[in-house]
Amino acid sequence: MIRKMSSSTGASSVKEEYEVLKVVEDGEARVLPTTASAVYDPVSGQLFLGALSSPFMVVCEQQK
């Protein structure tokens, strides 16, 4: 997940700062190379990942 850091001055600057948070990783690119969509279910805490061209769907459960 990439999110823009809030500016303390409130003014936009030429250099923007972003925070990168690793949510899920497929180091060998075997399962997630074509992932295009992600849906989070707040009730179950699961993250669903998939793509139109992918033959499968990935379901991630939240670590406790």
N, C-alpha and C. Protein backbone atom coordinates (compact mmCIF):
# COMPACT_ATOMS: atom_id res chain seq x y z
N MET A 1 0.85 -1.15 0.00
CA MET A 1 0.00 0.00 0.00
C MET A 1 0.90 1.22 0.00
N ILE A 2 0.57 2.18 -0.82
CA ILE A 2 1.32 3.43 -0.87
C ILE A 2 0.37 4.55 -0.50
N ARG A 3 0.76 5.35 0.46
CA ARG A 3 -0.08 6.48 0.82
C ARG A 3 0.75 7.74 0.94
N LYS A 4 0.12 8.84 0.59
CA LYS A 4 0.78 10.13 0.63
C LYS A 4 0.85 10.61 2.07
N MET A 5 2.01 11.06 2.47
CA MET A 5 2.18 11.60 3.81
C MET A 5 1.52 12.97 3.87
N SER A 6 0.88 13.28 4.98
CA SER A 6 0.23 14.58 5.11
C SER A 6 1.28 15.66 5.29
N SER A 7 1.00 16.78 4.68
CA SER A 7 1.93 17.91 4.75
C SER A 7 1.67 18.70 6.02
N SER A 8 2.71 19.02 6.76
CA SER A 8 2.54 19.78 8.00
C SER A 8 2.22 21.24 7.72
N THR A 9 2.63 21.74 6.56
CA THR A 9 2.37 23.14 6.23
C THR A 9 1.04 23.31 5.52
N GLY A 10 0.52 22.25 4.95
CA GLY A 10 -0.74 22.33 4.24
C GLY A 10 -0.58 22.76 2.79
N ALA A 11 0.58 23.26 2.44
CA ALA A 11 0.83 23.70 1.06
C ALA A 11 1.45 22.56 0.27
N SER A 12 1.10 22.47 -1.00
CA SER A 12 1.70 21.41 -1.81
C SER A 12 3.10 21.84 -2.23
N SER A 13 3.99 20.90 -2.26
CA SER A 13 5.36 21.20 -2.65
C SER A 13 5.72 20.37 -3.87
N VAL A 14 6.84 20.71 -4.48
CA VAL A 14 7.30 19.97 -5.66
C VAL A 14 7.67 18.56 -5.25
N LYS A 15 8.31 18.41 -4.11
CA LYS A 15 8.73 17.09 -3.63
C LYS A 15 7.67 16.54 -2.68
N GLU A 16 6.95 15.53 -3.12
CA GLU A 16 5.93 14.89 -2.30
C GLU A 16 6.57 13.70 -1.59
N GLU A 17 6.11 13.37 -0.40
CA GLU A 17 6.63 12.23 0.34
C GLU A 17 5.54 11.18 0.47
N TYR A 18 5.93 9.92 0.27
CA TYR A 18 5.00 8.81 0.33
C TYR A 18 5.51 7.76 1.31
N GLU A 19 4.59 7.04 1.91
CA GLU A 19 4.93 5.94 2.82
C GLU A 19 4.52 4.64 2.14
N VAL A 20 5.42 3.67 2.10
CA VAL A 20 5.14 2.37 1.50
C VAL A 20 5.00 1.34 2.60
N LEU A 21 3.84 0.66 2.66
CA LEU A 21 3.60 -0.38 3.64
C LEU A 21 3.40 -1.70 2.90
N LYS A 22 4.21 -2.70 3.23
CA LYS A 22 4.08 -4.00 2.59
C LYS A 22 2.91 -4.74 3.23
N VAL A 23 1.91 -5.02 2.43
CA VAL A 23 0.71 -5.71 2.91
C VAL A 23 0.80 -7.19 2.60
N VAL A 24 1.24 -7.52 1.40
CA VAL A 24 1.39 -8.91 0.98
C VAL A 24 2.55 -8.97 -0.01
N GLU A 25 3.27 -10.08 0.01
CA GLU A 25 4.44 -10.20 -0.87
C GLU A 25 4.48 -11.58 -1.51
N ASP A 26 4.80 -11.60 -2.78
CA ASP A 26 5.03 -12.84 -3.52
C ASP A 26 6.42 -12.72 -4.12
N GLY A 27 7.43 -13.03 -3.33
CA GLY A 27 8.82 -12.84 -3.71
C GLY A 27 9.22 -13.54 -4.99
N GLU A 28 8.63 -14.70 -5.29
CA GLU A 28 8.98 -15.46 -6.50
C GLU A 28 8.03 -15.16 -7.65
N ALA A 29 7.05 -14.30 -7.45
CA ALA A 29 6.06 -13.93 -8.48
C ALA A 29 5.38 -15.16 -9.07
N ARG A 30 5.03 -16.10 -8.19
CA ARG A 30 4.37 -17.32 -8.66
C ARG A 30 2.86 -17.26 -8.52
N VAL A 31 2.37 -16.49 -7.56
CA VAL A 31 0.94 -16.47 -7.29
C VAL A 31 0.30 -15.13 -7.68
N LEU A 32 1.01 -14.05 -7.49
CA LEU A 32 0.41 -12.73 -7.67
C LEU A 32 0.91 -11.91 -8.88
N PRO A 33 1.46 -12.50 -9.91
CA PRO A 33 2.01 -11.66 -10.98
C PRO A 33 0.96 -10.91 -11.78
N THR A 34 -0.26 -11.39 -11.80
CA THR A 34 -1.30 -10.73 -12.61
C THR A 34 -2.38 -10.07 -11.76
N THR A 35 -2.15 -9.91 -10.48
CA THR A 35 -3.16 -9.34 -9.60
C THR A 35 -3.51 -7.92 -10.02
N ALA A 36 -4.81 -7.70 -10.21
CA ALA A 36 -5.29 -6.38 -10.64
C ALA A 36 -6.33 -5.82 -9.68
N SER A 37 -6.96 -6.69 -8.90
CA SER A 37 -8.03 -6.25 -8.00
C SER A 37 -7.81 -6.77 -6.59
N ALA A 38 -8.14 -5.94 -5.64
CA ALA A 38 -8.06 -6.35 -4.23
C ALA A 38 -9.31 -5.85 -3.52
N VAL A 39 -9.90 -6.73 -2.72
CA VAL A 39 -11.09 -6.38 -1.95
C VAL A 39 -10.86 -6.81 -0.51
N TYR A 40 -11.12 -5.91 0.42
CA TYR A 40 -10.95 -6.21 1.85
C TYR A 40 -12.32 -6.37 2.49
N ASP A 41 -12.50 -7.45 3.24
CA ASP A 41 -13.73 -7.70 3.98
C ASP A 41 -13.47 -7.38 5.44
N PRO A 42 -13.98 -6.25 5.95
CA PRO A 42 -13.70 -5.86 7.33
C PRO A 42 -14.35 -6.78 8.37
N VAL A 43 -15.40 -7.49 8.00
CA VAL A 43 -16.06 -8.39 8.95
C VAL A 43 -15.19 -9.60 9.24
N SER A 44 -14.67 -10.25 8.18
CA SER A 44 -13.84 -11.45 8.37
C SER A 44 -12.36 -11.11 8.49
N GLY A 45 -11.96 -9.89 8.08
CA GLY A 45 -10.55 -9.51 8.12
C GLY A 45 -9.75 -10.12 6.99
N GLN A 46 -10.42 -10.61 5.95
CA GLN A 46 -9.73 -11.25 4.83
C GLN A 46 -9.53 -10.28 3.68
N LEU A 47 -8.45 -10.49 2.93
CA LEU A 47 -8.13 -9.72 1.74
C LEU A 47 -8.22 -10.66 0.55
N PHE A 48 -9.01 -10.32 -0.44
CA PHE A 48 -9.19 -11.14 -1.63
C PHE A 48 -8.47 -10.48 -2.80
N LEU A 49 -7.60 -11.24 -3.48
CA LEU A 49 -6.81 -10.73 -4.60
C LEU A 49 -7.09 -11.57 -5.83
N GLY A 50 -7.24 -10.92 -6.97
CA GLY A 50 -7.49 -11.67 -8.20
C GLY A 50 -7.33 -10.80 -9.42
N ALA A 51 -7.53 -11.43 -10.58
CA ALA A 51 -7.44 -10.74 -11.86
C ALA A 51 -8.26 -11.49 -12.88
N LEU A 52 -8.68 -10.79 -13.90
CA LEU A 52 -9.47 -11.39 -14.96
C LEU A 52 -8.68 -12.49 -15.69
N SER A 53 -7.39 -12.28 -15.86
CA SER A 53 -6.56 -13.24 -16.60
C SER A 53 -5.95 -14.32 -15.72
N SER A 54 -6.22 -14.28 -14.43
CA SER A 54 -5.64 -15.26 -13.51
C SER A 54 -6.57 -16.46 -13.35
N PRO A 55 -6.02 -17.68 -13.32
CA PRO A 55 -6.87 -18.87 -13.17
C PRO A 55 -7.29 -19.14 -11.72
N PHE A 56 -6.85 -18.30 -10.78
CA PHE A 56 -7.17 -18.54 -9.38
C PHE A 56 -7.35 -17.22 -8.65
N MET A 57 -7.80 -17.32 -7.41
CA MET A 57 -8.00 -16.16 -6.54
C MET A 57 -7.24 -16.41 -5.23
N VAL A 58 -6.64 -15.39 -4.67
CA VAL A 58 -5.88 -15.52 -3.43
C VAL A 58 -6.71 -14.94 -2.29
N VAL A 59 -6.77 -15.67 -1.17
CA VAL A 59 -7.45 -15.21 0.03
C VAL A 59 -6.42 -15.12 1.14
N CYS A 60 -6.23 -13.92 1.68
CA CYS A 60 -5.26 -13.71 2.77
C CYS A 60 -6.02 -13.47 4.06
N GLU A 61 -5.56 -14.11 5.12
CA GLU A 61 -6.16 -13.90 6.44
C GLU A 61 -5.24 -13.01 7.26
N GLN A 62 -5.84 -12.21 8.11
CA GLN A 62 -5.10 -11.28 8.94
C GLN A 62 -4.31 -12.03 10.01
N GLN A 63 -3.05 -11.64 10.20
CA GLN A 63 -2.23 -12.23 11.26
C GLN A 63 -2.67 -11.68 12.59
N LYS A 64 -2.64 -12.53 13.61
CA LYS A 64 -3.04 -12.09 14.95
C LYS A 64 -1.86 -12.01 15.87
